[in-house]
Amino acid sequence: MRFEKWQALGNDYIVVEERDLPFELTPERIERICAFHTGVGSDGILLLSQPERPGFVARLRIFNPDGSEAELSGNGAREAILYLRRRGWTSSDEFSIETAAGEIRPRITGPTTCRVDMGHARLRSDAYPDGPEDGTGTLVAAGREFRFQHVSIGNPQCAIEVPEGLEELDLSVVGPPIERHELFPQRTNVSFWRRTGASEIRARIFERGVGETLSSGTGATGAAVAAVLRGVESPVTVRLDGGELEVEVGEDLHVDLTGWAIPVYAGELSEDFLKEIE
């Protein structure tokens, strides 16, 4: 099985074309392939296939390392977008891709950069069914009360402003109970952020089905939307452990995400490994 390993701000994915798969990608196989030490090691798998509808370049499915399927990933989407361009699926600078979250429209801006139209963020969604119109709420996790902003941007985000002590916060302790909190029946991604300038924030991300990550495009987007709602100027520079992303948030909550992604290496899973996970 041929694949490429890509990364964007330290958020790494295995990119696979469906035609290269020798079997169906089950949750168990995804876990084995993504496992560090005994597999390739990654934050997930990006599966590319022919589109189901005309007018699209490809269909993108995104799998977390625990085998669950994510609706969208900002970093993963950029990796898939630049892979498609490099591998000749399209020669256009602007095109459309199908995802579980709907259509995304990227624009290639350089050899390793692109801008992604993420659509409109919503403050009300089925992922926070009992939430008010403004998407705010309060919860308790690890014995601490947090006020949060729910944002749906293809997948659910719980953005929490932490004015002090952000770097000291133990995400391995506070992240899991928020991800699986009863308020969020589909589980949720969690971003913890603080203001660092008029149009800049610092954020740390706990991803649903992954854990703490160096970066997350949708996590950065959720944090940026929450920050703009609280007076931070757009476009917002989001400083993550893996680097910076730019998130432009319109008055109607339309979001554009700009950043980079690069290939790390190409590889092929051995026959012995494939037999183990058949």
C-alpha atoms as a PDB file:
ATOM      1  CA  MET A   1       0.000   0.000   0.000  1.00  0.00           C
ATOM      2  CA  ARG A   2       1.583   3.236  -1.137  1.00  0.00           C
ATOM      3  CA  PHE A   3       1.229   6.408   0.926  1.00  0.00           C
ATOM      4  CA  GLU A   4       2.782   9.790   1.601  1.00  0.00           C
ATOM      5  CA  LYS A   5       3.413  11.344   5.005  1.00  0.00           C
ATOM      6  CA  TRP A   6       2.617  15.079   5.172  1.00  0.00           C
ATOM      7  CA  GLN A   7       2.731  17.623   7.973  1.00  0.00           C
ATOM      8  CA  ALA A   8       1.381  21.099   8.617  1.00  0.00           C
ATOM      9  CA  LEU A   9       2.646  22.866  11.723  1.00  0.00           C
ATOM     10  CA  GLY A  10       3.497  19.485  13.208  1.00  0.00           C
ATOM     11  CA  ASN A  11       0.012  18.067  12.553  1.00  0.00           C
ATOM     12  CA  ASP A  12       0.934  14.984  10.492  1.00  0.00           C
ATOM     13  CA  TYR A  13      -1.234  12.783   8.299  1.00  0.00           C
ATOM     14  CA  ILE A  14      -0.830   9.732   6.098  1.00  0.00           C
ATOM     15  CA  VAL A  15      -2.221  10.484   2.619  1.00  0.00           C
ATOM     16  CA  VAL A  16      -3.610   7.478   0.749  1.00  0.00           C
ATOM     17  CA  GLU A  17      -5.396   7.217  -2.586  1.00  0.00           C
ATOM     18  CA  GLU A  18      -8.336   4.824  -2.430  1.00  0.00           C
ATOM     19  CA  ARG A  19      -7.149   2.987  -5.536  1.00  0.00           C
ATOM     20  CA  ASP A  20      -3.985   1.994  -3.657  1.00  0.00           C
ATOM     21  CA  LEU A  21      -5.873   0.359  -0.777  1.00  0.00           C
ATOM     22  CA  PRO A  22      -5.721  -3.462  -0.638  1.00  0.00           C
ATOM     23  CA  PHE A  23      -8.651  -3.552   1.803  1.00  0.00           C
ATOM     24  CA  GLU A  24     -11.296  -1.426   3.491  1.00  0.00           C
ATOM     25  CA  LEU A  25     -10.029   1.059   6.080  1.00  0.00           C
ATOM     26  CA  THR A  26     -11.644  -0.259   9.246  1.00  0.00           C
ATOM     27  CA  PRO A  27     -11.155   1.485  12.627  1.00  0.00           C
ATOM     28  CA  GLU A  28      -8.868  -1.358  13.765  1.00  0.00           C
ATOM     29  CA  ARG A  29      -6.656  -1.059  10.667  1.00  0.00           C
ATOM     30  CA  ILE A  30      -6.515   2.715  10.978  1.00  0.00           C
ATOM     31  CA  GLU A  31      -5.345   2.404  14.590  1.00  0.00           C
ATOM     32  CA  ARG A  32      -2.614  -0.059  13.601  1.00  0.00           C
ATOM     33  CA  ILE A  33      -1.376   2.055  10.687  1.00  0.00           C
ATOM     34  CA  CYS A  34      -1.357   5.300  12.701  1.00  0.00           C
ATOM     35  CA  ALA A  35       0.318   3.740  15.757  1.00  0.00           C
ATOM     36  CA  PHE A  36       3.685   5.122  16.739  1.00  0.00           C
ATOM     37  CA  HIS A  37       6.503   2.566  17.132  1.00  0.00           C
ATOM     38  CA  THR A  38       4.521  -0.269  15.505  1.00  0.00           C
ATOM     39  CA  GLY A  39       2.984   1.558  12.531  1.00  0.00           C
ATOM     40  CA  VAL A  40       3.719   4.629  10.438  1.00  0.00           C
ATOM     41  CA  GLY A  41       2.844   7.002  13.286  1.00  0.00           C
ATOM     42  CA  SER A  42       0.531   9.919  12.523  1.00  0.00           C
ATOM     43  CA  ASP A  43      -2.374  12.084  13.663  1.00  0.00           C
ATOM     44  CA  GLY A  44      -4.655  10.370  11.170  1.00  0.00           C
ATOM     45  CA  ILE A  45      -5.267   9.251   7.598  1.00  0.00           C
ATOM     46  CA  LEU A  46      -6.439  11.339   4.640  1.00  0.00           C
ATOM     47  CA  LEU A  47      -8.233   9.135   2.114  1.00  0.00           C
ATOM     48  CA  LEU A  48      -8.623  10.546  -1.395  1.00  0.00           C
ATOM     49  CA  SER A  49     -10.954   9.128  -4.001  1.00  0.00           C
ATOM     50  CA  GLN A  50     -12.781  10.150  -7.136  1.00  0.00           C
ATOM     51  CA  PRO A  51     -15.600  12.637  -6.433  1.00  0.00           C
ATOM     52  CA  GLU A  52     -19.191  11.490  -6.292  1.00  0.00           C
ATOM     53  CA  ARG A  53     -20.498  14.663  -7.958  1.00  0.00           C
ATOM     54  CA  PRO A  54     -19.399  16.591 -11.066  1.00  0.00           C
ATOM     55  CA  GLY A  55     -17.435  19.791 -10.598  1.00  0.00           C
ATOM     56  CA  PHE A  56     -15.225  18.429  -7.813  1.00  0.00           C
ATOM     57  CA  VAL A  57     -11.577  17.365  -8.064  1.00  0.00           C
ATOM     58  CA  ALA A  58     -11.703  14.714  -5.340  1.00  0.00           C
ATOM     59  CA  ARG A  59     -13.499  13.357  -2.314  1.00  0.00           C
ATOM     60  CA  LEU A  60     -11.629  13.649   0.984  1.00  0.00           C
ATOM     61  CA  ARG A  61     -12.322  11.497   4.051  1.00  0.00           C
ATOM     62  CA  ILE A  62     -10.446  12.188   7.276  1.00  0.00           C
ATOM     63  CA  PHE A  63      -9.803   9.528   9.924  1.00  0.00           C
ATOM     64  CA  ASN A  64      -8.510  10.086  13.451  1.00  0.00           C
ATOM     65  CA  PRO A  65      -5.870   7.707  14.842  1.00  0.00           C
ATOM     66  CA  ASP A  66      -8.501   6.054  17.060  1.00  0.00           C
ATOM     67  CA  GLY A  67     -10.360   4.978  13.906  1.00  0.00           C
ATOM     68  CA  SER A  68     -13.178   7.526  14.144  1.00  0.00           C
ATOM     69  CA  GLU A  69     -14.000   9.727  11.157  1.00  0.00           C
ATOM     70  CA  ALA A  70     -13.710  13.503  11.381  1.00  0.00           C
ATOM     71  CA  GLU A  71     -15.896  15.852   9.367  1.00  0.00           C
ATOM     72  CA  LEU A  72     -13.046  18.249   8.594  1.00  0.00           C
ATOM     73  CA  SER A  73      -9.466  19.168   9.459  1.00  0.00           C
ATOM     74  CA  GLY A  74      -7.975  22.499   8.465  1.00  0.00           C
ATOM     75  CA  ASN A  75      -4.402  21.218   8.469  1.00  0.00           C
ATOM     76  CA  GLY A  76      -5.371  17.905   6.904  1.00  0.00           C
ATOM     77  CA  ALA A  77      -7.355  19.684   4.196  1.00  0.00           C
ATOM     78  CA  ARG A  78      -4.328  21.801   3.243  1.00  0.00           C
ATOM     79  CA  GLU A  79      -2.153  18.690   3.081  1.00  0.00           C
ATOM     80  CA  ALA A  80      -4.691  16.958   0.838  1.00  0.00           C
ATOM     81  CA  ILE A  81      -5.085  20.072  -1.336  1.00  0.00           C
ATOM     82  CA  LEU A  82      -1.360  20.439  -1.969  1.00  0.00           C
ATOM     83  CA  TYR A  83      -0.989  16.678  -2.481  1.00  0.00           C
ATOM     84  CA  LEU A  84      -3.696  16.762  -5.157  1.00  0.00           C
ATOM     85  CA  ARG A  85      -1.901  19.575  -6.956  1.00  0.00           C
ATOM     86  CA  ARG A  86       1.516  17.895  -6.775  1.00  0.00           C
ATOM     87  CA  ARG A  87       0.123  14.552  -7.908  1.00  0.00           C
ATOM     88  CA  GLY A  88      -1.625  16.006 -10.957  1.00  0.00           C
ATOM     89  CA  TRP A  89      -5.244  15.607  -9.911  1.00  0.00           C
ATOM     90  CA  THR A  90      -5.664  19.237 -10.990  1.00  0.00           C
ATOM     91  CA  SER A  91      -3.620  22.035 -12.525  1.00  0.00           C
ATOM     92  CA  SER A  92      -5.957  24.805 -11.325  1.00  0.00           C
ATOM     93  CA  ASP A  93      -5.187  27.263  -8.542  1.00  0.00           C
ATOM     94  CA  GLU A  94      -8.830  27.153  -7.401  1.00  0.00           C
ATOM     95  CA  PHE A  95     -10.988  24.045  -7.214  1.00  0.00           C
ATOM     96  CA  SER A  96     -13.515  22.198  -5.041  1.00  0.00           C
ATOM     97  CA  ILE A  97     -13.231  19.119  -2.820  1.00  0.00           C
ATOM     98  CA  GLU A  98     -15.992  17.017  -1.269  1.00  0.00           C
ATOM     99  CA  THR A  99     -15.792  16.376   2.478  1.00  0.00           C
ATOM    100  CA  ALA A 100     -18.133  15.070   5.154  1.00  0.00           C
ATOM    101  CA  ALA A 101     -18.583  18.716   6.163  1.00  0.00           C
ATOM    102  CA  GLY A 102     -19.548  19.731   2.631  1.00  0.00           C
ATOM    103  CA  GLU A 103     -17.695  21.549  -0.125  1.00  0.00           C
ATOM    104  CA  ILE A 104     -14.393  23.284   0.567  1.00  0.00           C
ATOM    105  CA  ARG A 105     -12.828  25.648  -1.959  1.00  0.00           C
ATOM    106  CA  PRO A 106      -9.069  26.189  -1.752  1.00  0.00           C
ATOM    107  CA  ARG A 107      -6.853  28.611  -3.608  1.00  0.00           C
ATOM    108  CA  ILE A 108      -3.213  27.674  -4.114  1.00  0.00           C
ATOM    109  CA  THR A 109      -1.054  30.653  -3.120  1.00  0.00           C
ATOM    110  CA  GLY A 110       2.434  29.144  -3.404  1.00  0.00           C
ATOM    111  CA  PRO A 111       4.379  25.869  -3.693  1.00  0.00           C
ATOM    112  CA  THR A 112       3.619  24.999  -0.057  1.00  0.00           C
ATOM    113  CA  THR A 113       0.771  27.356   0.847  1.00  0.00           C
ATOM    114  CA  CYS A 114      -2.938  27.692   0.222  1.00  0.00           C
ATOM    115  CA  ARG A 115      -5.989  29.570   1.411  1.00  0.00           C
ATOM    116  CA  VAL A 116      -9.062  27.511   2.255  1.00  0.00           C
ATOM    117  CA  ASP A 117     -12.621  28.815   2.214  1.00  0.00           C
ATOM    118  CA  MET A 118     -13.952  27.059   5.322  1.00  0.00           C
ATOM    119  CA  GLY A 119     -17.508  28.319   4.850  1.00  0.00           C
ATOM    120  CA  HIS A 120     -19.574  29.937   7.585  1.00  0.00           C
ATOM    121  CA  ALA A 121     -19.023  29.185  11.247  1.00  0.00           C
ATOM    122  CA  ARG A 122     -22.166  28.557  13.270  1.00  0.00           C
ATOM    123  CA  LEU A 123     -22.763  29.127  16.968  1.00  0.00           C
ATOM    124  CA  ARG A 124     -25.731  26.739  17.104  1.00  0.00           C
ATOM    125  CA  SER A 125     -25.524  23.120  15.955  1.00  0.00           C
ATOM    126  CA  ASP A 126     -26.616  19.574  16.765  1.00  0.00           C
ATOM    127  CA  ALA A 127     -23.223  19.081  18.384  1.00  0.00           C
ATOM    128  CA  TYR A 128     -24.360  21.396  21.227  1.00  0.00           C
ATOM    129  CA  PRO A 129     -28.134  20.789  21.066  1.00  0.00           C
ATOM    130  CA  ASP A 130     -29.111  22.522  24.303  1.00  0.00           C
ATOM    131  CA  GLY A 131     -26.978  25.602  23.736  1.00  0.00           C
ATOM    132  CA  PRO A 132     -28.297  29.154  23.442  1.00  0.00           C
ATOM    133  CA  GLU A 133     -28.315  31.128  20.194  1.00  0.00           C
ATOM    134  CA  ASP A 134     -24.912  32.671  20.934  1.00  0.00           C
ATOM    135  CA  GLY A 135     -23.312  29.256  21.577  1.00  0.00           C
ATOM    136  CA  THR A 136     -21.917  30.157  24.987  1.00  0.00           C
ATOM    137  CA  GLY A 137     -21.989  27.962  28.055  1.00  0.00           C
ATOM    138  CA  THR A 138     -20.278  26.873  31.242  1.00  0.00           C
ATOM    139  CA  LEU A 139     -19.014  23.456  32.281  1.00  0.00           C
ATOM    140  CA  VAL A 140     -16.890  21.866  34.974  1.00  0.00           C
ATOM    141  CA  ALA A 141     -13.898  19.664  34.123  1.00  0.00           C
ATOM    142  CA  ALA A 142     -11.210  18.298  36.434  1.00  0.00           C
ATOM    143  CA  GLY A 143     -12.700  20.299  39.297  1.00  0.00           C
ATOM    144  CA  ARG A 144     -12.480  23.617  37.449  1.00  0.00           C
ATOM    145  CA  GLU A 145     -15.227  25.733  35.906  1.00  0.00           C
ATOM    146  CA  PHE A 146     -14.755  26.914  32.328  1.00  0.00           C
ATOM    147  CA  ARG A 147     -16.843  29.334  30.285  1.00  0.00           C
ATOM    148  CA  PHE A 148     -16.781  28.313  26.629  1.00  0.00           C
ATOM    149  CA  GLN A 149     -17.845  29.322  23.146  1.00  0.00           C
ATOM    150  CA  HIS A 150     -19.264  26.606  20.910  1.00  0.00           C
ATOM    151  CA  VAL A 151     -18.330  26.985  17.236  1.00  0.00           C
ATOM    152  CA  SER A 152     -19.279  24.605  14.442  1.00  0.00           C
ATOM    153  CA  ILE A 153     -16.920  24.859  11.480  1.00  0.00           C
ATOM    154  CA  GLY A 154     -17.511  21.534   9.751  1.00  0.00           C
ATOM    155  CA  ASN A 155     -16.773  19.887  13.089  1.00  0.00           C
ATOM    156  CA  PRO A 156     -17.582  20.939  16.675  1.00  0.00           C
ATOM    157  CA  GLN A 157     -15.256  23.258  18.574  1.00  0.00           C
ATOM    158  CA  CYS A 158     -15.318  24.248  22.224  1.00  0.00           C
ATOM    159  CA  ALA A 159     -13.198  27.404  22.533  1.00  0.00           C
ATOM    160  CA  ILE A 160     -12.165  28.456  26.031  1.00  0.00           C
ATOM    161  CA  GLU A 161     -10.428  31.733  26.828  1.00  0.00           C
ATOM    162  CA  VAL A 162      -7.714  31.301  29.466  1.00  0.00           C
ATOM    163  CA  PRO A 163      -6.340  34.782  30.249  1.00  0.00           C
ATOM    164  CA  GLU A 164      -3.758  33.434  32.700  1.00  0.00           C
ATOM    165  CA  GLY A 165      -2.004  30.108  33.107  1.00  0.00           C
ATOM    166  CA  LEU A 166      -2.521  28.830  29.571  1.00  0.00           C
ATOM    167  CA  GLU A 167       0.978  27.366  29.253  1.00  0.00           C
ATOM    168  CA  GLU A 168       0.720  25.617  32.619  1.00  0.00           C
ATOM    169  CA  LEU A 169      -2.668  24.059  31.865  1.00  0.00           C
ATOM    170  CA  ASP A 170      -2.471  20.242  31.731  1.00  0.00           C
ATOM    171  CA  LEU A 171      -4.524  19.391  28.640  1.00  0.00           C
ATOM    172  CA  SER A 172      -4.204  15.656  29.310  1.00  0.00           C
ATOM    173  CA  VAL A 173      -6.252  16.235  32.481  1.00  0.00           C
ATOM    174  CA  VAL A 174      -8.805  18.858  31.415  1.00  0.00           C
ATOM    175  CA  GLY A 175      -9.141  17.859  27.743  1.00  0.00           C
ATOM    176  CA  PRO A 176     -10.746  14.385  27.961  1.00  0.00           C
ATOM    177  CA  PRO A 177     -13.684  15.314  30.238  1.00  0.00           C
ATOM    178  CA  ILE A 178     -14.500  18.314  28.030  1.00  0.00           C
ATOM    179  CA  GLU A 179     -14.222  16.293  24.807  1.00  0.00           C
ATOM    180  CA  ARG A 180     -16.714  13.765  26.178  1.00  0.00           C
ATOM    181  CA  HIS A 181     -18.875  16.133  28.225  1.00  0.00           C
ATOM    182  CA  GLU A 182     -22.607  15.384  28.200  1.00  0.00           C
ATOM    183  CA  LEU A 183     -23.261  18.792  26.613  1.00  0.00           C
ATOM    184  CA  PHE A 184     -21.594  17.512  23.417  1.00  0.00           C
ATOM    185  CA  PRO A 185     -23.272  14.278  22.223  1.00  0.00           C
ATOM    186  CA  GLN A 186     -20.882  13.992  19.253  1.00  0.00           C
ATOM    187  CA  ARG A 187     -17.856  14.776  21.443  1.00  0.00           C
ATOM    188  CA  THR A 188     -15.969  17.986  20.703  1.00  0.00           C
ATOM    189  CA  ASN A 189     -12.584  19.449  19.869  1.00  0.00           C
ATOM    190  CA  VAL A 190     -11.290  21.857  22.498  1.00  0.00           C
ATOM    191  CA  SER A 191      -9.130  24.960  22.035  1.00  0.00           C
ATOM    192  CA  PHE A 192      -7.710  26.951  24.943  1.00  0.00           C
ATOM    193  CA  TRP A 193      -6.632  30.467  23.992  1.00  0.00           C
ATOM    194  CA  ARG A 194      -5.535  33.883  25.257  1.00  0.00           C
ATOM    195  CA  ARG A 195      -5.096  37.292  23.627  1.00  0.00           C
ATOM    196  CA  THR A 196      -1.548  38.339  22.821  1.00  0.00           C
ATOM    197  CA  GLY A 197      -2.276  41.377  20.640  1.00  0.00           C
ATOM    198  CA  ALA A 198      -4.988  43.368  18.884  1.00  0.00           C
ATOM    199  CA  SER A 199      -5.213  40.731  16.146  1.00  0.00           C
ATOM    200  CA  GLU A 200      -3.222  37.855  17.634  1.00  0.00           C
ATOM    201  CA  ILE A 201      -3.949  35.002  20.008  1.00  0.00           C
ATOM    202  CA  ARG A 202      -2.037  32.063  21.461  1.00  0.00           C
ATOM    203  CA  ALA A 203      -3.862  28.719  21.413  1.00  0.00           C
ATOM    204  CA  ARG A 204      -3.374  25.144  22.556  1.00  0.00           C
ATOM    205  CA  ILE A 205      -5.477  22.372  21.047  1.00  0.00           C
ATOM    206  CA  PHE A 206      -7.012  19.146  22.338  1.00  0.00           C
ATOM    207  CA  GLU A 207      -8.465  17.259  19.379  1.00  0.00           C
ATOM    208  CA  ARG A 208     -11.369  14.850  19.499  1.00  0.00           C
ATOM    209  CA  GLY A 209     -10.056  11.310  19.033  1.00  0.00           C
ATOM    210  CA  VAL A 210      -6.437  12.493  19.062  1.00  0.00           C
ATOM    211  CA  GLY A 211      -5.499  14.338  22.250  1.00  0.00           C
ATOM    212  CA  GLU A 212      -3.229  17.370  22.499  1.00  0.00           C
ATOM    213  CA  THR A 213      -1.698  18.289  19.146  1.00  0.00           C
ATOM    214  CA  LEU A 214       0.944  20.740  17.990  1.00  0.00           C
ATOM    215  CA  SER A 215      -1.689  22.429  15.862  1.00  0.00           C
ATOM    216  CA  SER A 216      -5.164  22.131  14.376  1.00  0.00           C
ATOM    217  CA  GLY A 217      -6.640  24.205  11.576  1.00  0.00           C
ATOM    218  CA  THR A 218     -10.240  23.856  12.713  1.00  0.00           C
ATOM    219  CA  GLY A 219      -9.157  24.266  16.338  1.00  0.00           C
ATOM    220  CA  ALA A 220      -7.383  27.481  15.425  1.00  0.00           C
ATOM    221  CA  THR A 221     -10.509  28.560  13.542  1.00  0.00           C
ATOM    222  CA  GLY A 222     -12.761  27.900  16.538  1.00  0.00           C
ATOM    223  CA  ALA A 223     -10.449  29.881  18.787  1.00  0.00           C
ATOM    224  CA  ALA A 224     -10.218  32.728  16.250  1.00  0.00           C
ATOM    225  CA  VAL A 225     -14.005  32.981  15.878  1.00  0.00           C
ATOM    226  CA  ALA A 226     -14.408  33.067  19.665  1.00  0.00           C
ATOM    227  CA  ALA A 227     -11.704  35.725  19.887  1.00  0.00           C
ATOM    228  CA  VAL A 228     -13.315  37.917  17.205  1.00  0.00           C
ATOM    229  CA  LEU A 229     -16.641  37.682  19.032  1.00  0.00           C
ATOM    230  CA  ARG A 230     -14.781  39.087  22.045  1.00  0.00           C
ATOM    231  CA  GLY A 231     -13.183  42.001  20.254  1.00  0.00           C
ATOM    232  CA  VAL A 232      -9.997  40.644  18.669  1.00  0.00           C
ATOM    233  CA  GLU A 233      -9.473  42.084  15.176  1.00  0.00           C
ATOM    234  CA  SER A 234      -9.695  39.954  12.037  1.00  0.00           C
ATOM    235  CA  PRO A 235      -7.667  38.525  10.364  1.00  0.00           C
ATOM    236  CA  VAL A 236      -6.408  36.742  13.464  1.00  0.00           C
ATOM    237  CA  THR A 237      -2.905  35.349  13.713  1.00  0.00           C
ATOM    238  CA  VAL A 238      -3.169  32.169  15.786  1.00  0.00           C
ATOM    239  CA  ARG A 239       0.090  31.089  17.413  1.00  0.00           C
ATOM    240  CA  LEU A 240       0.133  27.341  18.013  1.00  0.00           C
ATOM    241  CA  ASP A 241       2.844  25.017  19.317  1.00  0.00           C
ATOM    242  CA  GLY A 242       3.639  24.045  15.717  1.00  0.00           C
ATOM    243  CA  GLY A 243       3.616  27.539  14.188  1.00  0.00           C
ATOM    244  CA  GLU A 244       1.195  30.219  13.023  1.00  0.00           C
ATOM    245  CA  LEU A 245      -2.015  30.222  11.008  1.00  0.00           C
ATOM    246  CA  GLU A 246      -4.017  33.178   9.712  1.00  0.00           C
ATOM    247  CA  VAL A 247      -7.786  33.060  10.158  1.00  0.00           C
ATOM    248  CA  GLU A 248      -9.968  35.707   8.534  1.00  0.00           C
ATOM    249  CA  VAL A 249     -13.412  35.952  10.143  1.00  0.00           C
ATOM    250  CA  GLY A 250     -16.061  38.046   8.420  1.00  0.00           C
ATOM    251  CA  GLU A 251     -18.947  39.859  10.070  1.00  0.00           C
ATOM    252  CA  ASP A 252     -21.193  37.015   8.882  1.00  0.00           C
ATOM    253  CA  LEU A 253     -18.712  34.517  10.414  1.00  0.00           C
ATOM    254  CA  HIS A 254     -17.448  33.452   6.994  1.00  0.00           C
ATOM    255  CA  VAL A 255     -13.978  31.968   7.556  1.00  0.00           C
ATOM    256  CA  ASP A 256     -10.852  31.728   5.381  1.00  0.00           C
ATOM    257  CA  LEU A 257      -7.843  29.786   6.699  1.00  0.00           C
ATOM    258  CA  THR A 258      -4.338  30.366   5.321  1.00  0.00           C
ATOM    259  CA  GLY A 259      -1.257  28.275   6.047  1.00  0.00           C
ATOM    260  CA  TRP A 260       1.326  25.845   4.743  1.00  0.00           C
ATOM    261  CA  ALA A 261       1.772  22.080   4.376  1.00  0.00           C
ATOM    262  CA  ILE A 262       4.703  19.990   3.142  1.00  0.00           C
ATOM    263  CA  PRO A 263       5.406  16.344   2.295  1.00  0.00           C
ATOM    264  CA  VAL A 264       7.758  14.470   4.628  1.00  0.00           C
ATOM    265  CA  TYR A 265       8.278  11.216   2.760  1.00  0.00           C
ATOM    266  CA  ALA A 266       6.675   8.618   0.529  1.00  0.00           C
ATOM    267  CA  GLY A 267       6.514   4.980   1.563  1.00  0.00           C
ATOM    268  CA  GLU A 268       4.902   1.585   1.106  1.00  0.00           C
ATOM    269  CA  LEU A 269       3.528  -0.703   3.797  1.00  0.00           C
ATOM    270  CA  SER A 270       5.244  -4.093   3.729  1.00  0.00           C
ATOM    271  CA  GLU A 271       3.463  -7.304   2.805  1.00  0.00           C
ATOM    272  CA  ASP A 272       4.188  -8.668   6.263  1.00  0.00           C
ATOM    273  CA  PHE A 273       2.514  -5.694   7.948  1.00  0.00           C
ATOM    274  CA  LEU A 274      -0.477  -5.862   5.602  1.00  0.00           C
ATOM    275  CA  LYS A 275      -0.980  -9.548   6.406  1.00  0.00           C
ATOM    276  CA  GLU A 276      -0.966  -8.738  10.123  1.00  0.00           C
ATOM    277  CA  ILE A 277      -3.856  -6.302   9.766  1.00  0.00           C
ATOM    278  CA  GLU A 278      -5.944  -8.128   7.148  1.00  0.00           C
END
